[in-house]
Amino acid sequence: MNKKYLTIAAVVATLALVAAPFALAQRMRGGPHGGPGELGGVMFLGHLQHAKQALGLSDQQVGDIETIFKDLHSQNAQYHESLHGSMEQIATALINNPNDLATAQALLDKQSDTERQLKSNALAAASKALNVLTADQRAKLGDFVKEHHSRMQQK
């Protein structure tokens, strides 16, 4: 069980590193803290422009990062659809037979596998995006992440 939580923590930490420029961009604009759903949407591109300024990203780096996250969005689309269908299937299975926990558990396990794939894809994209940055940019990003976490802990 401990290994599971460590793995989840590692994924969350990596995603936080990649999401930090977007959190920074929100702070710089004075806007509210955005959710993870913004990464694939139109707002992502605006945040990336703010991150470009804050981290000193080149146009090439911005283009590479945009491509990485557009690819992630496309790659994960089927999994998102599957998750929505899984929740409905689990609910339907339990409504039809509240005692059929085996079927519901099998569907839940399938959903967990799908969620794991989404997280693995996001982790790979985060790694690719971080590799686009120079060492100095990653250090600056690390400082932003520490500052962000510090502010979140104070709330």
N, C-alpha and C. Protein backbone atom coordinates (compact mmCIF):
# COMPACT_ATOMS: atom_id res chain seq x y z
N MET A 1 0.82 -1.19 0.00
CA MET A 1 0.00 0.00 0.00
C MET A 1 0.86 1.25 0.00
N ASN A 2 1.97 1.23 0.72
CA ASN A 2 2.87 2.37 0.78
C ASN A 2 3.43 2.70 -0.59
N LYS A 3 3.79 1.68 -1.35
CA LYS A 3 4.35 1.89 -2.68
C LYS A 3 3.33 2.60 -3.58
N LYS A 4 2.07 2.25 -3.43
CA LYS A 4 1.01 2.87 -4.21
C LYS A 4 0.96 4.37 -3.93
N TYR A 5 1.01 4.75 -2.66
CA TYR A 5 0.95 6.16 -2.30
C TYR A 5 2.20 6.91 -2.73
N LEU A 6 3.34 6.25 -2.67
CA LEU A 6 4.58 6.88 -3.14
C LEU A 6 4.53 7.12 -4.64
N THR A 7 3.99 6.17 -5.37
CA THR A 7 3.86 6.33 -6.82
C THR A 7 2.92 7.47 -7.14
N ILE A 8 1.79 7.52 -6.46
CA ILE A 8 0.83 8.61 -6.68
C ILE A 8 1.47 9.94 -6.33
N ALA A 9 2.21 9.99 -5.23
CA ALA A 9 2.88 11.23 -4.82
C ALA A 9 3.89 11.66 -5.87
N ALA A 10 4.61 10.70 -6.44
CA ALA A 10 5.60 11.03 -7.46
C ALA A 10 4.92 11.60 -8.71
N VAL A 11 3.80 11.01 -9.11
CA VAL A 11 3.06 11.51 -10.27
C VAL A 11 2.55 12.92 -9.99
N VAL A 12 1.97 13.11 -8.81
CA VAL A 12 1.44 14.43 -8.46
C VAL A 12 2.56 15.47 -8.42
N ALA A 13 3.71 15.10 -7.85
CA ALA A 13 4.83 16.04 -7.78
C ALA A 13 5.32 16.42 -9.18
N THR A 14 5.40 15.44 -10.06
CA THR A 14 5.86 15.72 -11.42
C THR A 14 4.86 16.60 -12.15
N LEU A 15 3.59 16.28 -12.00
CA LEU A 15 2.57 17.11 -12.64
C LEU A 15 2.58 18.52 -12.07
N ALA A 16 2.86 18.63 -10.77
CA ALA A 16 2.95 19.95 -10.16
C ALA A 16 4.09 20.76 -10.77
N LEU A 17 5.18 20.08 -11.07
CA LEU A 17 6.30 20.78 -11.70
C LEU A 17 5.91 21.34 -13.05
N VAL A 18 5.17 20.54 -13.80
CA VAL A 18 4.76 20.99 -15.12
C VAL A 18 3.65 22.03 -15.01
N ALA A 19 2.78 21.88 -14.03
CA ALA A 19 1.65 22.81 -13.88
C ALA A 19 2.06 24.13 -13.25
N ALA A 20 3.22 24.17 -12.63
CA ALA A 20 3.65 25.38 -11.92
C ALA A 20 3.66 26.63 -12.79
N PRO A 21 4.15 26.54 -14.03
CA PRO A 21 4.12 27.77 -14.84
C PRO A 21 2.70 28.30 -15.03
N PHE A 22 1.75 27.37 -15.06
CA PHE A 22 0.38 27.79 -15.26
C PHE A 22 -0.20 28.40 -13.99
N ALA A 23 0.20 27.85 -12.85
CA ALA A 23 -0.19 28.44 -11.57
C ALA A 23 0.45 29.82 -11.44
N LEU A 24 1.70 29.91 -11.84
CA LEU A 24 2.40 31.19 -11.80
C LEU A 24 1.69 32.19 -12.71
N ALA A 25 1.30 31.74 -13.87
CA ALA A 25 0.62 32.64 -14.80
C ALA A 25 -0.68 33.15 -14.20
N GLN A 26 -1.40 32.29 -13.52
CA GLN A 26 -2.64 32.72 -12.86
C GLN A 26 -2.33 33.77 -11.81
N ARG A 27 -1.29 33.54 -11.01
CA ARG A 27 -0.92 34.47 -9.95
C ARG A 27 -0.52 35.81 -10.54
N MET A 28 0.24 35.76 -11.64
CA MET A 28 0.71 36.99 -12.26
C MET A 28 -0.47 37.81 -12.79
N ARG A 29 -1.52 37.14 -13.21
CA ARG A 29 -2.70 37.84 -13.71
C ARG A 29 -3.66 38.17 -12.59
N GLY A 30 -3.43 37.60 -11.40
CA GLY A 30 -4.31 37.86 -10.28
C GLY A 30 -5.58 37.04 -10.32
N GLY A 31 -5.60 36.01 -11.14
CA GLY A 31 -6.79 35.19 -11.29
C GLY A 31 -6.85 34.08 -10.26
N PRO A 32 -7.95 33.35 -10.21
CA PRO A 32 -8.08 32.24 -9.28
C PRO A 32 -7.20 31.07 -9.70
N HIS A 33 -6.95 30.20 -8.76
CA HIS A 33 -6.15 29.00 -9.06
C HIS A 33 -6.96 28.09 -9.96
N GLY A 34 -6.40 27.71 -11.07
CA GLY A 34 -7.10 26.89 -12.06
C GLY A 34 -7.01 25.42 -11.74
N GLY A 35 -7.88 24.64 -12.37
CA GLY A 35 -7.89 23.19 -12.17
C GLY A 35 -7.12 22.47 -13.24
N PRO A 36 -6.94 21.16 -13.06
CA PRO A 36 -6.15 20.40 -14.01
C PRO A 36 -6.78 20.31 -15.38
N GLY A 37 -8.07 20.52 -15.49
CA GLY A 37 -8.73 20.46 -16.77
C GLY A 37 -8.30 21.54 -17.73
N GLU A 38 -7.67 22.59 -17.22
CA GLU A 38 -7.25 23.70 -18.06
C GLU A 38 -6.05 23.34 -18.92
N LEU A 39 -5.30 22.33 -18.56
CA LEU A 39 -4.08 22.02 -19.28
C LEU A 39 -4.32 21.72 -20.74
N GLY A 40 -5.44 21.08 -21.07
CA GLY A 40 -5.68 20.72 -22.46
C GLY A 40 -6.53 21.73 -23.21
N GLY A 41 -7.04 22.72 -22.51
CA GLY A 41 -7.96 23.65 -23.13
C GLY A 41 -7.31 24.90 -23.67
N VAL A 42 -8.14 25.81 -24.07
CA VAL A 42 -7.69 27.07 -24.62
C VAL A 42 -6.89 27.86 -23.60
N MET A 43 -7.27 27.77 -22.33
CA MET A 43 -6.58 28.53 -21.29
C MET A 43 -5.11 28.10 -21.19
N PHE A 44 -4.84 26.84 -21.52
CA PHE A 44 -3.46 26.35 -21.47
C PHE A 44 -2.54 27.21 -22.31
N LEU A 45 -3.00 27.58 -23.50
CA LEU A 45 -2.16 28.36 -24.40
C LEU A 45 -1.88 29.74 -23.83
N GLY A 46 -2.85 30.33 -23.16
CA GLY A 46 -2.63 31.62 -22.50
C GLY A 46 -1.64 31.49 -21.36
N HIS A 47 -1.78 30.43 -20.57
CA HIS A 47 -0.86 30.19 -19.46
C HIS A 47 0.55 29.95 -19.98
N LEU A 48 0.63 29.27 -21.09
CA LEU A 48 1.95 28.97 -21.65
C LEU A 48 2.65 30.26 -22.07
N GLN A 49 1.88 31.21 -22.55
CA GLN A 49 2.48 32.50 -22.93
C GLN A 49 3.02 33.23 -21.70
N HIS A 50 2.30 33.13 -20.58
CA HIS A 50 2.79 33.73 -19.33
C HIS A 50 4.03 32.98 -18.83
N ALA A 51 4.01 31.67 -18.96
CA ALA A 51 5.17 30.88 -18.55
C ALA A 51 6.36 31.21 -19.43
N LYS A 52 6.08 31.50 -20.69
CA LYS A 52 7.15 31.88 -21.62
C LYS A 52 7.89 33.10 -21.09
N GLN A 53 7.13 34.06 -20.62
CA GLN A 53 7.74 35.28 -20.08
C GLN A 53 8.44 35.00 -18.75
N ALA A 54 7.78 34.27 -17.86
CA ALA A 54 8.33 34.04 -16.52
C ALA A 54 9.60 33.19 -16.55
N LEU A 55 9.64 32.21 -17.44
CA LEU A 55 10.77 31.29 -17.51
C LEU A 55 11.74 31.64 -18.63
N GLY A 56 11.37 32.60 -19.47
CA GLY A 56 12.22 32.95 -20.60
C GLY A 56 12.25 31.87 -21.66
N LEU A 57 11.09 31.28 -21.95
CA LEU A 57 11.02 30.21 -22.95
C LEU A 57 11.16 30.79 -24.35
N SER A 58 11.84 30.07 -25.21
CA SER A 58 11.94 30.47 -26.61
C SER A 58 10.66 30.05 -27.33
N ASP A 59 10.47 30.62 -28.53
CA ASP A 59 9.30 30.23 -29.33
C ASP A 59 9.34 28.73 -29.64
N GLN A 60 10.53 28.20 -29.88
CA GLN A 60 10.68 26.77 -30.16
C GLN A 60 10.25 25.94 -28.95
N GLN A 61 10.66 26.36 -27.76
CA GLN A 61 10.28 25.63 -26.54
C GLN A 61 8.76 25.66 -26.35
N VAL A 62 8.16 26.82 -26.55
CA VAL A 62 6.71 26.94 -26.42
C VAL A 62 6.02 26.02 -27.41
N GLY A 63 6.48 26.01 -28.65
CA GLY A 63 5.89 25.13 -29.67
C GLY A 63 6.03 23.67 -29.31
N ASP A 64 7.20 23.30 -28.80
CA ASP A 64 7.42 21.91 -28.40
C ASP A 64 6.49 21.51 -27.26
N ILE A 65 6.35 22.39 -26.27
CA ILE A 65 5.47 22.09 -25.12
C ILE A 65 4.02 22.03 -25.55
N GLU A 66 3.60 22.95 -26.42
CA GLU A 66 2.23 22.90 -26.94
C GLU A 66 1.97 21.57 -27.63
N THR A 67 2.91 21.13 -28.44
CA THR A 67 2.76 19.87 -29.16
C THR A 67 2.67 18.70 -28.18
N ILE A 68 3.50 18.70 -27.16
CA ILE A 68 3.49 17.62 -26.17
C ILE A 68 2.13 17.51 -25.51
N PHE A 69 1.56 18.66 -25.10
CA PHE A 69 0.28 18.60 -24.39
C PHE A 69 -0.90 18.39 -25.32
N LYS A 70 -0.80 18.83 -26.56
CA LYS A 70 -1.86 18.50 -27.53
C LYS A 70 -1.85 17.00 -27.81
N ASP A 71 -0.66 16.42 -27.92
CA ASP A 71 -0.55 14.98 -28.12
C ASP A 71 -1.10 14.22 -26.91
N LEU A 72 -0.80 14.72 -25.73
CA LEU A 72 -1.33 14.09 -24.51
C LEU A 72 -2.86 14.13 -24.52
N HIS A 73 -3.40 15.28 -24.86
CA HIS A 73 -4.85 15.42 -24.90
C HIS A 73 -5.47 14.42 -25.88
N SER A 74 -4.88 14.31 -27.06
CA SER A 74 -5.37 13.34 -28.06
C SER A 74 -5.22 11.91 -27.57
N GLN A 75 -4.06 11.63 -26.98
CA GLN A 75 -3.77 10.28 -26.49
C GLN A 75 -4.73 9.87 -25.38
N ASN A 76 -5.10 10.80 -24.52
CA ASN A 76 -5.94 10.48 -23.38
C ASN A 76 -7.43 10.58 -23.66
N ALA A 77 -7.82 11.08 -24.83
CA ALA A 77 -9.24 11.26 -25.13
C ALA A 77 -10.02 9.96 -24.99
N GLN A 78 -9.48 8.88 -25.53
CA GLN A 78 -10.18 7.59 -25.45
C GLN A 78 -10.32 7.12 -24.01
N TYR A 79 -9.33 7.42 -23.18
CA TYR A 79 -9.38 7.00 -21.78
C TYR A 79 -10.42 7.81 -21.00
N HIS A 80 -10.53 9.10 -21.32
CA HIS A 80 -11.55 9.93 -20.66
C HIS A 80 -12.94 9.42 -21.00
N GLU A 81 -13.16 9.09 -22.26
CA GLU A 81 -14.45 8.55 -22.67
C GLU A 81 -14.73 7.23 -21.95
N SER A 82 -13.71 6.41 -21.84
CA SER A 82 -13.84 5.13 -21.17
C SER A 82 -14.20 5.31 -19.70
N LEU A 83 -13.58 6.31 -19.04
CA LEU A 83 -13.88 6.56 -17.63
C LEU A 83 -15.33 6.95 -17.42
N HIS A 84 -15.84 7.82 -18.29
CA HIS A 84 -17.24 8.22 -18.17
C HIS A 84 -18.17 7.03 -18.36
N GLY A 85 -17.85 6.18 -19.34
CA GLY A 85 -18.64 4.99 -19.57
C GLY A 85 -18.56 4.00 -18.42
N SER A 86 -17.38 3.90 -17.81
CA SER A 86 -17.18 2.97 -16.69
C SER A 86 -18.03 3.35 -15.49
N MET A 87 -18.08 4.64 -15.19
CA MET A 87 -18.88 5.07 -14.04
C MET A 87 -20.35 4.72 -14.24
N GLU A 88 -20.82 4.91 -15.46
CA GLU A 88 -22.21 4.57 -15.76
C GLU A 88 -22.42 3.07 -15.66
N GLN A 89 -21.47 2.28 -16.15
CA GLN A 89 -21.59 0.82 -16.09
C GLN A 89 -21.60 0.33 -14.63
N ILE A 90 -20.75 0.91 -13.81
CA ILE A 90 -20.70 0.51 -12.40
C ILE A 90 -22.03 0.82 -11.72
N ALA A 91 -22.53 2.03 -11.94
CA ALA A 91 -23.81 2.41 -11.35
C ALA A 91 -24.93 1.51 -11.83
N THR A 92 -24.96 1.24 -13.12
CA THR A 92 -26.00 0.38 -13.68
C THR A 92 -25.92 -1.03 -13.11
N ALA A 93 -24.72 -1.56 -13.01
CA ALA A 93 -24.55 -2.92 -12.47
C ALA A 93 -25.07 -3.00 -11.03
N LEU A 94 -24.76 -2.01 -10.23
CA LEU A 94 -25.23 -2.04 -8.84
C LEU A 94 -26.72 -1.78 -8.72
N ILE A 95 -27.24 -0.92 -9.57
CA ILE A 95 -28.68 -0.66 -9.54
C ILE A 95 -29.45 -1.91 -9.94
N ASN A 96 -28.94 -2.60 -10.98
CA ASN A 96 -29.60 -3.81 -11.45
C ASN A 96 -29.51 -4.94 -10.45
N ASN A 97 -28.40 -5.05 -9.75
CA ASN A 97 -28.23 -6.11 -8.76
C ASN A 97 -27.26 -5.61 -7.68
N PRO A 98 -27.81 -5.03 -6.61
CA PRO A 98 -26.96 -4.47 -5.55
C PRO A 98 -26.05 -5.51 -4.89
N ASN A 99 -26.34 -6.79 -5.07
CA ASN A 99 -25.53 -7.84 -4.45
C ASN A 99 -24.41 -8.35 -5.38
N ASP A 100 -24.37 -7.88 -6.60
CA ASP A 100 -23.36 -8.33 -7.56
C ASP A 100 -22.10 -7.46 -7.47
N LEU A 101 -21.44 -7.59 -6.35
CA LEU A 101 -20.23 -6.80 -6.11
C LEU A 101 -19.08 -7.24 -7.01
N ALA A 102 -19.07 -8.51 -7.40
CA ALA A 102 -17.98 -9.00 -8.25
C ALA A 102 -17.95 -8.26 -9.59
N THR A 103 -19.10 -8.08 -10.19
CA THR A 103 -19.16 -7.36 -11.46
C THR A 103 -18.76 -5.90 -11.27
N ALA A 104 -19.30 -5.28 -10.23
CA ALA A 104 -18.97 -3.88 -9.96
C ALA A 104 -17.47 -3.73 -9.67
N GLN A 105 -16.92 -4.67 -8.92
CA GLN A 105 -15.49 -4.61 -8.61
C GLN A 105 -14.63 -4.79 -9.86
N ALA A 106 -15.05 -5.69 -10.74
CA ALA A 106 -14.31 -5.89 -11.99
C ALA A 106 -14.33 -4.61 -12.83
N LEU A 107 -15.48 -3.95 -12.88
CA LEU A 107 -15.57 -2.69 -13.62
C LEU A 107 -14.73 -1.60 -12.95
N LEU A 108 -14.72 -1.60 -11.64
CA LEU A 108 -13.91 -0.63 -10.89
C LEU A 108 -12.42 -0.87 -11.13
N ASP A 109 -12.04 -2.14 -11.17
CA ASP A 109 -10.64 -2.47 -11.46
C ASP A 109 -10.24 -2.00 -12.85
N LYS A 110 -11.16 -2.17 -13.81
CA LYS A 110 -10.90 -1.71 -15.17
C LYS A 110 -10.75 -0.18 -15.18
N GLN A 111 -11.59 0.49 -14.41
CA GLN A 111 -11.51 1.94 -14.32
C GLN A 111 -10.17 2.36 -13.69
N SER A 112 -9.74 1.65 -12.67
CA SER A 112 -8.45 1.95 -12.03
C SER A 112 -7.30 1.79 -13.02
N ASP A 113 -7.37 0.76 -13.86
CA ASP A 113 -6.35 0.57 -14.90
C ASP A 113 -6.34 1.74 -15.88
N THR A 114 -7.53 2.20 -16.23
CA THR A 114 -7.64 3.33 -17.16
C THR A 114 -7.07 4.59 -16.52
N GLU A 115 -7.39 4.83 -15.25
CA GLU A 115 -6.86 6.00 -14.54
C GLU A 115 -5.34 5.92 -14.46
N ARG A 116 -4.83 4.73 -14.23
CA ARG A 116 -3.38 4.56 -14.17
C ARG A 116 -2.75 4.90 -15.52
N GLN A 117 -3.39 4.51 -16.61
CA GLN A 117 -2.86 4.81 -17.93
C GLN A 117 -2.87 6.31 -18.18
N LEU A 118 -3.95 6.98 -17.77
CA LEU A 118 -4.01 8.44 -17.90
C LEU A 118 -2.85 9.10 -17.16
N LYS A 119 -2.61 8.64 -15.94
CA LYS A 119 -1.54 9.20 -15.13
C LYS A 119 -0.17 8.89 -15.73
N SER A 120 -0.01 7.69 -16.24
CA SER A 120 1.26 7.32 -16.88
C SER A 120 1.52 8.18 -18.11
N ASN A 121 0.48 8.42 -18.90
CA ASN A 121 0.61 9.28 -20.07
C ASN A 121 0.96 10.71 -19.66
N ALA A 122 0.32 11.20 -18.60
CA ALA A 122 0.60 12.55 -18.11
C ALA A 122 2.02 12.64 -17.57
N LEU A 123 2.46 11.60 -16.90
CA LEU A 123 3.83 11.57 -16.38
C LEU A 123 4.84 11.61 -17.52
N ALA A 124 4.59 10.84 -18.56
CA ALA A 124 5.49 10.84 -19.72
C ALA A 124 5.51 12.21 -20.39
N ALA A 125 4.34 12.84 -20.50
CA ALA A 125 4.27 14.18 -21.10
C ALA A 125 4.99 15.20 -20.23
N ALA A 126 4.84 15.09 -18.92
CA ALA A 126 5.55 16.00 -18.00
C ALA A 126 7.05 15.85 -18.18
N SER A 127 7.50 14.63 -18.28
CA SER A 127 8.93 14.38 -18.47
C SER A 127 9.41 15.00 -19.78
N LYS A 128 8.65 14.80 -20.85
CA LYS A 128 9.02 15.38 -22.14
C LYS A 128 9.06 16.90 -22.06
N ALA A 129 8.04 17.48 -21.42
CA ALA A 129 7.97 18.95 -21.31
C ALA A 129 9.12 19.48 -20.48
N LEU A 130 9.46 18.80 -19.39
CA LEU A 130 10.57 19.26 -18.56
C LEU A 130 11.90 19.13 -19.29
N ASN A 131 12.01 18.15 -20.17
CA ASN A 131 13.23 18.00 -20.95
C ASN A 131 13.40 19.09 -22.00
N VAL A 132 12.32 19.79 -22.32
CA VAL A 132 12.40 20.91 -23.26
C VAL A 132 13.07 22.11 -22.58
N LEU A 133 12.93 22.20 -21.27
CA LEU A 133 13.50 23.32 -20.51
C LEU A 133 15.00 23.15 -20.31
N THR A 134 15.69 24.27 -20.19
CA THR A 134 17.10 24.23 -19.84
C THR A 134 17.22 23.99 -18.33
N ALA A 135 18.42 23.70 -17.87
CA ALA A 135 18.64 23.48 -16.44
C ALA A 135 18.25 24.72 -15.64
N ASP A 136 18.59 25.89 -16.14
CA ASP A 136 18.24 27.14 -15.44
C ASP A 136 16.72 27.33 -15.38
N GLN A 137 16.04 27.02 -16.46
CA GLN A 137 14.58 27.15 -16.48
C GLN A 137 13.93 26.16 -15.52
N ARG A 138 14.47 24.94 -15.45
CA ARG A 138 13.93 23.95 -14.50
C ARG A 138 14.17 24.41 -13.07
N ALA A 139 15.32 25.00 -12.81
CA ALA A 139 15.61 25.51 -11.45
C ALA A 139 14.63 26.63 -11.09
N LYS A 140 14.38 27.52 -12.03
CA LYS A 140 13.44 28.62 -11.80
C LYS A 140 12.03 28.06 -11.58
N LEU A 141 11.67 27.06 -12.37
CA LEU A 141 10.38 26.40 -12.21
C LEU A 141 10.28 25.74 -10.84
N GLY A 142 11.37 25.10 -10.41
CA GLY A 142 11.39 24.49 -9.08
C GLY A 142 11.15 25.51 -7.99
N ASP A 143 11.74 26.70 -8.14
CA ASP A 143 11.51 27.77 -7.16
C ASP A 143 10.05 28.20 -7.15
N PHE A 144 9.44 28.31 -8.34
CA PHE A 144 8.02 28.67 -8.43
C PHE A 144 7.15 27.61 -7.74
N VAL A 145 7.50 26.35 -7.95
CA VAL A 145 6.73 25.25 -7.34
C VAL A 145 6.83 25.31 -5.82
N LYS A 146 8.03 25.52 -5.31
CA LYS A 146 8.21 25.63 -3.85
C LYS A 146 7.40 26.79 -3.29
N GLU A 147 7.46 27.92 -3.98
CA GLU A 147 6.72 29.10 -3.54
C GLU A 147 5.22 28.81 -3.56
N HIS A 148 4.76 28.16 -4.62
CA HIS A 148 3.34 27.83 -4.75
C HIS A 148 2.89 26.89 -3.62
N HIS A 149 3.68 25.87 -3.35
CA HIS A 149 3.32 24.92 -2.29
C HIS A 149 3.34 25.60 -0.93
N SER A 150 4.27 26.49 -0.74
CA SER A 150 4.34 27.22 0.52
C SER A 150 3.08 28.05 0.73
N ARG A 151 2.62 28.73 -0.32
CA ARG A 151 1.40 29.53 -0.22
C ARG A 151 0.19 28.63 0.02
N MET A 152 0.16 27.48 -0.62
CA MET A 152 -0.98 26.57 -0.44
C MET A 152 -1.04 26.02 0.98
N GLN A 153 0.11 25.77 1.58
CA GLN A 153 0.15 25.26 2.95
C GLN A 153 -0.27 26.32 3.96
N GLN A 154 -0.08 27.58 3.63
CA GLN A 154 -0.45 28.65 4.53
C GLN A 154 -1.94 28.91 4.55
N LYS A 155 -2.64 28.45 3.54
CA LYS A 155 -4.11 28.69 3.47
C LYS A 155 -4.85 27.82 4.43
